[in-house]
Amino acid sequence: MQKTVEKVAQGVNISFIGEVKKDNIVSMVDNCQKGKCECMSDETKQKIQNMEISGKDGEVELLLSGDVSTDEIKEALAKSKVLN
């Protein structure tokens, strides 16, 4: 799976291409919103105002709205148990 993290006006956009199931990304976001993961610090979580998933299996996009950096998100993705 290829992951691309880029800064956008609203925050950070993540593109997942290849061997990715949309349901897995939905699970990851759900875990994050409910505090069931340890991927990112509480400080980073507080910066995120909204998480929006779009696309389909093989091409999923995740838009994180808020004042977060691409480095914070790359670090969280590396720690994700759902993705790794």
PDB file of N, CA and C in Angstrom:
ATOM      1  N   MET A   1       0.837  -1.175   0.000  1.00  0.00           N
ATOM      2  CA  MET A   1       0.000   0.000   0.000  1.00  0.00           C
ATOM      3  C   MET A   1       0.886   1.243   0.000  1.00  0.00           C
ATOM      4  N   GLN A   2       0.512   2.173  -0.833  1.00  0.00           N
ATOM      5  CA  GLN A   2       1.230   3.445  -0.920  1.00  0.00           C
ATOM      6  C   GLN A   2       0.440   4.502  -0.147  1.00  0.00           C
ATOM      7  N   LYS A   3       1.130   5.241   0.725  1.00  0.00           N
ATOM      8  CA  LYS A   3       0.497   6.305   1.509  1.00  0.00           C
ATOM      9  C   LYS A   3       1.144   7.625   1.136  1.00  0.00           C
ATOM     10  N   THR A   4       0.323   8.612   0.789  1.00  0.00           N
ATOM     11  CA  THR A   4       0.818   9.945   0.487  1.00  0.00           C
ATOM     12  C   THR A   4       0.169  10.912   1.466  1.00  0.00           C
ATOM     13  N   VAL A   5       1.000  11.687   2.162  1.00  0.00           N
ATOM     14  CA  VAL A   5       0.520  12.650   3.145  1.00  0.00           C
ATOM     15  C   VAL A   5       0.890  14.038   2.636  1.00  0.00           C
ATOM     16  N   GLU A   6      -0.114  14.895   2.453  1.00  0.00           N
ATOM     17  CA  GLU A   6       0.171  16.242   1.961  1.00  0.00           C
ATOM     18  C   GLU A   6      -0.608  17.295   2.729  1.00  0.00           C
ATOM     19  N   LYS A   7       0.012  18.452   2.892  1.00  0.00           N
ATOM     20  CA  LYS A   7      -0.613  19.586   3.568  1.00  0.00           C
ATOM     21  C   LYS A   7      -1.597  20.222   2.591  1.00  0.00           C
ATOM     22  N   VAL A   8      -2.809  20.493   3.076  1.00  0.00           N
ATOM     23  CA  VAL A   8      -3.832  21.185   2.284  1.00  0.00           C
ATOM     24  C   VAL A   8      -4.367  22.340   3.129  1.00  0.00           C
ATOM     25  N   ALA A   9      -5.180  23.190   2.526  1.00  0.00           N
ATOM     26  CA  ALA A   9      -5.684  24.378   3.215  1.00  0.00           C
ATOM     27  C   ALA A   9      -6.400  24.053   4.524  1.00  0.00           C
ATOM     28  N   GLN A  10      -7.190  22.957   4.527  1.00  0.00           N
ATOM     29  CA  GLN A  10      -7.971  22.597   5.709  1.00  0.00           C
ATOM     30  C   GLN A  10      -7.163  21.864   6.770  1.00  0.00           C
ATOM     31  N   GLY A  11      -6.044  21.258   6.379  1.00  0.00           N
ATOM     32  CA  GLY A  11      -5.268  20.443   7.313  1.00  0.00           C
ATOM     33  C   GLY A  11      -4.308  19.536   6.580  1.00  0.00           C
ATOM     34  N   VAL A  12      -4.562  18.211   6.667  1.00  0.00           N
ATOM     35  CA  VAL A  12      -3.697  17.217   6.019  1.00  0.00           C
ATOM     36  C   VAL A  12      -4.569  16.198   5.304  1.00  0.00           C
ATOM     37  N   ASN A  13      -4.188  15.870   4.066  1.00  0.00           N
ATOM     38  CA  ASN A  13      -4.891  14.860   3.286  1.00  0.00           C
ATOM     39  C   ASN A  13      -3.986  13.644   3.127  1.00  0.00           C
ATOM     40  N   ILE A  14      -4.559  12.465   3.367  1.00  0.00           N
ATOM     41  CA  ILE A  14      -3.803  11.219   3.224  1.00  0.00           C
ATOM     42  C   ILE A  14      -4.459  10.394   2.126  1.00  0.00           C
ATOM     43  N   SER A  15      -3.660   9.951   1.171  1.00  0.00           N
ATOM     44  CA  SER A  15      -4.146   9.078   0.098  1.00  0.00           C
ATOM     45  C   SER A  15      -3.560   7.689   0.309  1.00  0.00           C
ATOM     46  N   PHE A  16      -4.426   6.694   0.304  1.00  0.00           N
ATOM     47  CA  PHE A  16      -4.011   5.293   0.413  1.00  0.00           C
ATOM     48  C   PHE A  16      -4.327   4.643  -0.927  1.00  0.00           C
ATOM     49  N   ILE A  17      -3.308   4.096  -1.595  1.00  0.00           N
ATOM     50  CA  ILE A  17      -3.510   3.492  -2.908  1.00  0.00           C
ATOM     51  C   ILE A  17      -2.919   2.093  -2.914  1.00  0.00           C
ATOM     52  N   GLY A  18      -3.641   1.168  -3.527  1.00  0.00           N
ATOM     53  CA  GLY A  18      -3.151  -0.209  -3.630  1.00  0.00           C
ATOM     54  C   GLY A  18      -3.966  -1.135  -2.755  1.00  0.00           C
ATOM     55  N   GLU A  19      -3.278  -1.936  -1.956  1.00  0.00           N
ATOM     56  CA  GLU A  19      -3.931  -2.929  -1.101  1.00  0.00           C
ATOM     57  C   GLU A  19      -4.521  -2.271   0.137  1.00  0.00           C
ATOM     58  N   VAL A  20      -5.613  -1.544  -0.061  1.00  0.00           N
ATOM     59  CA  VAL A  20      -6.268  -0.871   1.061  1.00  0.00           C
ATOM     60  C   VAL A  20      -7.775  -1.078   0.961  1.00  0.00           C
ATOM     61  N   LYS A  21      -8.378  -1.427   2.074  1.00  0.00           N
ATOM     62  CA  LYS A  21      -9.833  -1.588   2.152  1.00  0.00           C
ATOM     63  C   LYS A  21     -10.399  -0.361   2.853  1.00  0.00           C
ATOM     64  N   LYS A  22     -11.432   0.217   2.287  1.00  0.00           N
ATOM     65  CA  LYS A  22     -12.056   1.395   2.882  1.00  0.00           C
ATOM     66  C   LYS A  22     -12.518   1.104   4.309  1.00  0.00           C
ATOM     67  N   ASP A  23     -13.029  -0.109   4.539  1.00  0.00           N
ATOM     68  CA  ASP A  23     -13.486  -0.487   5.881  1.00  0.00           C
ATOM     69  C   ASP A  23     -12.357  -0.405   6.915  1.00  0.00           C
ATOM     70  N   ASN A  24     -11.120  -0.731   6.502  1.00  0.00           N
ATOM     71  CA  ASN A  24      -9.985  -0.649   7.423  1.00  0.00           C
ATOM     72  C   ASN A  24      -9.702   0.792   7.830  1.00  0.00           C
ATOM     73  N   ILE A  25      -9.827   1.711   6.881  1.00  0.00           N
ATOM     74  CA  ILE A  25      -9.604   3.130   7.180  1.00  0.00           C
ATOM     75  C   ILE A  25     -10.730   3.637   8.079  1.00  0.00           C
ATOM     76  N   VAL A  26     -11.959   3.200   7.812  1.00  0.00           N
ATOM     77  CA  VAL A  26     -13.103   3.575   8.660  1.00  0.00           C
ATOM     78  C   VAL A  26     -12.859   3.084  10.090  1.00  0.00           C
ATOM     79  N   SER A  27     -12.373   1.842  10.240  1.00  0.00           N
ATOM     80  CA  SER A  27     -12.066   1.283  11.566  1.00  0.00           C
ATOM     81  C   SER A  27     -10.987   2.089  12.267  1.00  0.00           C
ATOM     82  N   MET A  28      -9.955   2.469  11.518  1.00  0.00           N
ATOM     83  CA  MET A  28      -8.854   3.243  12.080  1.00  0.00           C
ATOM     84  C   MET A  28      -9.364   4.586  12.613  1.00  0.00           C
ATOM     85  N   VAL A  29     -10.175   5.275  11.817  1.00  0.00           N
ATOM     86  CA  VAL A  29     -10.727   6.579  12.221  1.00  0.00           C
ATOM     87  C   VAL A  29     -11.653   6.407  13.414  1.00  0.00           C
ATOM     88  N   ASP A  30     -12.469   5.367  13.390  1.00  0.00           N
ATOM     89  CA  ASP A  30     -13.404   5.109  14.489  1.00  0.00           C
ATOM     90  C   ASP A  30     -12.636   4.880  15.800  1.00  0.00           C
ATOM     91  N   ASN A  31     -11.581   4.059  15.737  1.00  0.00           N
ATOM     92  CA  ASN A  31     -10.749   3.812  16.918  1.00  0.00           C
ATOM     93  C   ASN A  31     -10.127   5.104  17.439  1.00  0.00           C
ATOM     94  N   CYS A  32      -9.665   5.925  16.526  1.00  0.00           N
ATOM     95  CA  CYS A  32      -9.024   7.182  16.900  1.00  0.00           C
ATOM     96  C   CYS A  32     -10.027   8.115  17.583  1.00  0.00           C
ATOM     97  N   GLN A  33     -11.211   8.234  16.995  1.00  0.00           N
ATOM     98  CA  GLN A  33     -12.225   9.130  17.551  1.00  0.00           C
ATOM     99  C   GLN A  33     -12.714   8.676  18.919  1.00  0.00           C
ATOM    100  N   LYS A  34     -12.685   7.373  19.175  1.00  0.00           N
ATOM    101  CA  LYS A  34     -13.160   6.834  20.451  1.00  0.00           C
ATOM    102  C   LYS A  34     -12.030   6.678  21.469  1.00  0.00           C
ATOM    103  N   GLY A  35     -10.807   7.089  21.091  1.00  0.00           N
ATOM    104  CA  GLY A  35      -9.682   7.000  22.010  1.00  0.00           C
ATOM    105  C   GLY A  35      -9.166   5.594  22.222  1.00  0.00           C
ATOM    106  N   LYS A  36      -9.437   4.687  21.275  1.00  0.00           N
ATOM    107  CA  LYS A  36      -9.026   3.287  21.407  1.00  0.00           C
ATOM    108  C   LYS A  36      -7.670   2.996  20.777  1.00  0.00           C
ATOM    109  N   CYS A  37      -6.974   4.023  20.334  1.00  0.00           N
ATOM    110  CA  CYS A  37      -5.668   3.798  19.720  1.00  0.00           C
ATOM    111  C   CYS A  37      -4.633   4.668  20.405  1.00  0.00           C
ATOM    112  N   GLU A  38      -3.382   4.323  20.165  1.00  0.00           N
ATOM    113  CA  GLU A  38      -2.282   5.087  20.738  1.00  0.00           C
ATOM    114  C   GLU A  38      -1.361   5.581  19.632  1.00  0.00           C
ATOM    115  N   CYS A  39      -1.914   5.788  18.448  1.00  0.00           N
ATOM    116  CA  CYS A  39      -1.119   6.174  17.286  1.00  0.00           C
ATOM    117  C   CYS A  39      -0.550   7.585  17.414  1.00  0.00           C
ATOM    118  N   MET A  40      -1.372   8.490  17.946  1.00  0.00           N
ATOM    119  CA  MET A  40      -0.919   9.874  18.056  1.00  0.00           C
ATOM    120  C   MET A  40      -1.148  10.385  19.472  1.00  0.00           C
ATOM    121  N   SER A  41      -0.410  11.413  19.800  1.00  0.00           N
ATOM    122  CA  SER A  41      -0.511  11.995  21.142  1.00  0.00           C
ATOM    123  C   SER A  41      -1.869  12.677  21.317  1.00  0.00           C
ATOM    124  N   ASP A  42      -2.264  12.843  22.560  1.00  0.00           N
ATOM    125  CA  ASP A  42      -3.514  13.555  22.849  1.00  0.00           C
ATOM    126  C   ASP A  42      -3.441  14.970  22.313  1.00  0.00           C
ATOM    127  N   GLU A  43      -2.250  15.559  22.348  1.00  0.00           N
ATOM    128  CA  GLU A  43      -2.053  16.920  21.837  1.00  0.00           C
ATOM    129  C   GLU A  43      -2.395  16.986  20.345  1.00  0.00           C
ATOM    130  N   THR A  44      -1.936  15.997  19.582  1.00  0.00           N
ATOM    131  CA  THR A  44      -2.226  15.953  18.138  1.00  0.00           C
ATOM    132  C   THR A  44      -3.716  15.710  17.910  1.00  0.00           C
ATOM    133  N   LYS A  45      -4.303  14.776  18.666  1.00  0.00           N
ATOM    134  CA  LYS A  45      -5.736  14.485  18.512  1.00  0.00           C
ATOM    135  C   LYS A  45      -6.584  15.728  18.737  1.00  0.00           C
ATOM    136  N   GLN A  46      -6.193  16.558  19.695  1.00  0.00           N
ATOM    137  CA  GLN A  46      -6.965  17.766  19.999  1.00  0.00           C
ATOM    138  C   GLN A  46      -6.907  18.781  18.868  1.00  0.00           C
ATOM    139  N   LYS A  47      -5.875  18.714  18.033  1.00  0.00           N
ATOM    140  CA  LYS A  47      -5.740  19.637  16.907  1.00  0.00           C
ATOM    141  C   LYS A  47      -6.685  19.282  15.756  1.00  0.00           C
ATOM    142  N   ILE A  48      -7.115  18.019  15.710  1.00  0.00           N
ATOM    143  CA  ILE A  48      -7.954  17.555  14.599  1.00  0.00           C
ATOM    144  C   ILE A  48      -9.417  17.875  14.894  1.00  0.00           C
ATOM    145  N   GLN A  49     -10.008  18.659  13.990  1.00  0.00           N
ATOM    146  CA  GLN A  49     -11.400  19.069  14.164  1.00  0.00           C
ATOM    147  C   GLN A  49     -12.371  18.106  13.489  1.00  0.00           C
ATOM    148  N   ASN A  50     -11.931  17.482  12.400  1.00  0.00           N
ATOM    149  CA  ASN A  50     -12.816  16.587  11.643  1.00  0.00           C
ATOM    150  C   ASN A  50     -11.984  15.586  10.850  1.00  0.00           C
ATOM    151  N   MET A  51     -12.541  14.380  10.658  1.00  0.00           N
ATOM    152  CA  MET A  51     -11.917  13.350   9.830  1.00  0.00           C
ATOM    153  C   MET A  51     -12.940  12.917   8.795  1.00  0.00           C
ATOM    154  N   GLU A  52     -12.581  13.032   7.529  1.00  0.00           N
ATOM    155  CA  GLU A  52     -13.520  12.727   6.446  1.00  0.00           C
ATOM    156  C   GLU A  52     -12.901  11.697   5.501  1.00  0.00           C
ATOM    157  N   ILE A  53     -13.608  10.589   5.310  1.00  0.00           N
ATOM    158  CA  ILE A  53     -13.129   9.496   4.460  1.00  0.00           C
ATOM    159  C   ILE A  53     -13.900   9.516   3.142  1.00  0.00           C
ATOM    160  N   SER A  54     -13.175   9.319   2.046  1.00  0.00           N
ATOM    161  CA  SER A  54     -13.834   9.215   0.744  1.00  0.00           C
ATOM    162  C   SER A  54     -13.099   8.184  -0.105  1.00  0.00           C
ATOM    163  N   GLY A  55     -13.696   7.829  -1.227  1.00  0.00           N
ATOM    164  CA  GLY A  55     -13.076   6.874  -2.142  1.00  0.00           C
ATOM    165  C   GLY A  55     -13.657   5.480  -2.005  1.00  0.00           C
ATOM    166  N   LYS A  56     -12.873   4.500  -2.489  1.00  0.00           N
ATOM    167  CA  LYS A  56     -13.323   3.107  -2.498  1.00  0.00           C
ATOM    168  C   LYS A  56     -12.118   2.215  -2.258  1.00  0.00           C
ATOM    169  N   ASP A  57     -12.369   0.911  -2.088  1.00  0.00           N
ATOM    170  CA  ASP A  57     -11.266  -0.035  -1.896  1.00  0.00           C
ATOM    171  C   ASP A  57     -10.217   0.177  -2.987  1.00  0.00           C
ATOM    172  N   GLY A  58      -8.964   0.251  -2.588  1.00  0.00           N
ATOM    173  CA  GLY A  58      -7.878   0.456  -3.552  1.00  0.00           C
ATOM    174  C   GLY A  58      -7.480   1.910  -3.704  1.00  0.00           C
ATOM    175  N   GLU A  59      -8.397   2.837  -3.411  1.00  0.00           N
ATOM    176  CA  GLU A  59      -8.130   4.277  -3.521  1.00  0.00           C
ATOM    177  C   GLU A  59      -8.951   5.003  -2.458  1.00  0.00           C
ATOM    178  N   VAL A  60      -8.374   5.166  -1.269  1.00  0.00           N
ATOM    179  CA  VAL A  60      -9.089   5.791  -0.160  1.00  0.00           C
ATOM    180  C   VAL A  60      -8.384   7.086   0.224  1.00  0.00           C
ATOM    181  N   GLU A  61      -9.168   8.113   0.481  1.00  0.00           N
ATOM    182  CA  GLU A  61      -8.631   9.397   0.924  1.00  0.00           C
ATOM    183  C   GLU A  61      -9.153   9.694   2.321  1.00  0.00           C
ATOM    184  N   LEU A  62      -8.298  10.256   3.146  1.00  0.00           N
ATOM    185  CA  LEU A  62      -8.669  10.659   4.504  1.00  0.00           C
ATOM    186  C   LEU A  62      -8.222  12.102   4.693  1.00  0.00           C
ATOM    187  N   LEU A  63      -9.186  12.993   4.906  1.00  0.00           N
ATOM    188  CA  LEU A  63      -8.902  14.404   5.133  1.00  0.00           C
ATOM    189  C   LEU A  63      -9.011  14.683   6.626  1.00  0.00           C
ATOM    190  N   LEU A  64      -7.921  15.154   7.213  1.00  0.00           N
ATOM    191  CA  LEU A  64      -7.898  15.532   8.619  1.00  0.00           C
ATOM    192  C   LEU A  64      -7.912  17.051   8.677  1.00  0.00           C
ATOM    193  N   SER A  65      -9.023  17.623   9.114  1.00  0.00           N
ATOM    194  CA  SER A  65      -9.137  19.072   9.204  1.00  0.00           C
ATOM    195  C   SER A  65      -8.618  19.543  10.545  1.00  0.00           C
ATOM    196  N   GLY A  66      -7.813  20.585  10.516  1.00  0.00           N
ATOM    197  CA  GLY A  66      -7.271  21.150  11.741  1.00  0.00           C
ATOM    198  C   GLY A  66      -5.835  21.585  11.555  1.00  0.00           C
ATOM    199  N   ASP A  67      -5.242  22.062  12.617  1.00  0.00           N
ATOM    200  CA  ASP A  67      -3.883  22.594  12.582  1.00  0.00           C
ATOM    201  C   ASP A  67      -2.868  21.507  12.903  1.00  0.00           C
ATOM    202  N   VAL A  68      -2.798  20.494  12.025  1.00  0.00           N
ATOM    203  CA  VAL A  68      -1.860  19.390  12.220  1.00  0.00           C
ATOM    204  C   VAL A  68      -0.798  19.428  11.130  1.00  0.00           C
ATOM    205  N   SER A  69       0.370  18.892  11.446  1.00  0.00           N
ATOM    206  CA  SER A  69       1.462  18.867  10.473  1.00  0.00           C
ATOM    207  C   SER A  69       1.541  17.502   9.797  1.00  0.00           C
ATOM    208  N   THR A  70       2.154  17.474   8.650  1.00  0.00           N
ATOM    209  CA  THR A  70       2.327  16.209   7.934  1.00  0.00           C
ATOM    210  C   THR A  70       3.234  15.274   8.745  1.00  0.00           C
ATOM    211  N   ASP A  71       4.214  15.826   9.448  1.00  0.00           N
ATOM    212  CA  ASP A  71       5.108  14.993  10.256  1.00  0.00           C
ATOM    213  C   ASP A  71       4.357  14.276  11.372  1.00  0.00           C
ATOM    214  N   GLU A  72       3.428  14.995  12.042  1.00  0.00           N
ATOM    215  CA  GLU A  72       2.633  14.377  13.108  1.00  0.00           C
ATOM    216  C   GLU A  72       1.816  13.207  12.565  1.00  0.00           C
ATOM    217  N   ILE A  73       1.252  13.403  11.372  1.00  0.00           N
ATOM    218  CA  ILE A  73       0.387  12.385  10.772  1.00  0.00           C
ATOM    219  C   ILE A  73       1.213  11.203  10.266  1.00  0.00           C
ATOM    220  N   LYS A  74       2.361  11.469   9.668  1.00  0.00           N
ATOM    221  CA  LYS A  74       3.234  10.376   9.208  1.00  0.00           C
ATOM    222  C   LYS A  74       3.659   9.508  10.390  1.00  0.00           C
ATOM    223  N   GLU A  75       3.967  10.139  11.512  1.00  0.00           N
ATOM    224  CA  GLU A  75       4.368   9.406  12.713  1.00  0.00           C
ATOM    225  C   GLU A  75       3.216   8.531  13.215  1.00  0.00           C
ATOM    226  N   ALA A  76       1.990   9.083  13.207  1.00  0.00           N
ATOM    227  CA  ALA A  76       0.816   8.325  13.649  1.00  0.00           C
ATOM    228  C   ALA A  76       0.550   7.141  12.721  1.00  0.00           C
ATOM    229  N   LEU A  77       0.661   7.344  11.422  1.00  0.00           N
ATOM    230  CA  LEU A  77       0.434   6.261  10.459  1.00  0.00           C
ATOM    231  C   LEU A  77       1.438   5.128  10.662  1.00  0.00           C
ATOM    232  N   ALA A  78       2.665   5.475  10.979  1.00  0.00           N
ATOM    233  CA  ALA A  78       3.690   4.459  11.204  1.00  0.00           C
ATOM    234  C   ALA A  78       3.366   3.595  12.425  1.00  0.00           C
ATOM    235  N   LYS A  79       2.658   4.151  13.389  1.00  0.00           N
ATOM    236  CA  LYS A  79       2.310   3.426  14.616  1.00  0.00           C
ATOM    237  C   LYS A  79       0.971   2.674  14.526  1.00  0.00           C
ATOM    238  N   SER A  80       0.197   2.932  13.488  1.00  0.00           N
ATOM    239  CA  SER A  80      -1.140   2.354  13.377  1.00  0.00           C
ATOM    240  C   SER A  80      -1.123   0.833  13.289  1.00  0.00           C
ATOM    241  N   LYS A  81      -1.863   0.190  14.180  1.00  0.00           N
ATOM    242  CA  LYS A  81      -1.963  -1.265  14.159  1.00  0.00           C
ATOM    243  C   LYS A  81      -2.906  -1.736  13.061  1.00  0.00           C
ATOM    244  N   VAL A  82      -3.814  -0.880  12.632  1.00  0.00           N
ATOM    245  CA  VAL A  82      -4.757  -1.239  11.572  1.00  0.00           C
ATOM    246  C   VAL A  82      -4.040  -1.293  10.219  1.00  0.00           C
ATOM    247  N   LEU A  83      -3.082  -0.370  10.000  1.00  0.00           N
ATOM    248  CA  LEU A  83      -2.412  -0.294   8.717  1.00  0.00           C
ATOM    249  C   LEU A  83      -1.174  -1.182   8.619  1.00  0.00           C
ATOM    250  N   ASN A  84      -0.536  -1.456   9.736  1.00  0.00           N
ATOM    251  CA  ASN A  84       0.752  -2.177   9.692  1.00  0.00           C
ATOM    252  C   ASN A  84       0.635  -3.612  10.164  1.00  0.00           C
TER     253      ASN A  84
END
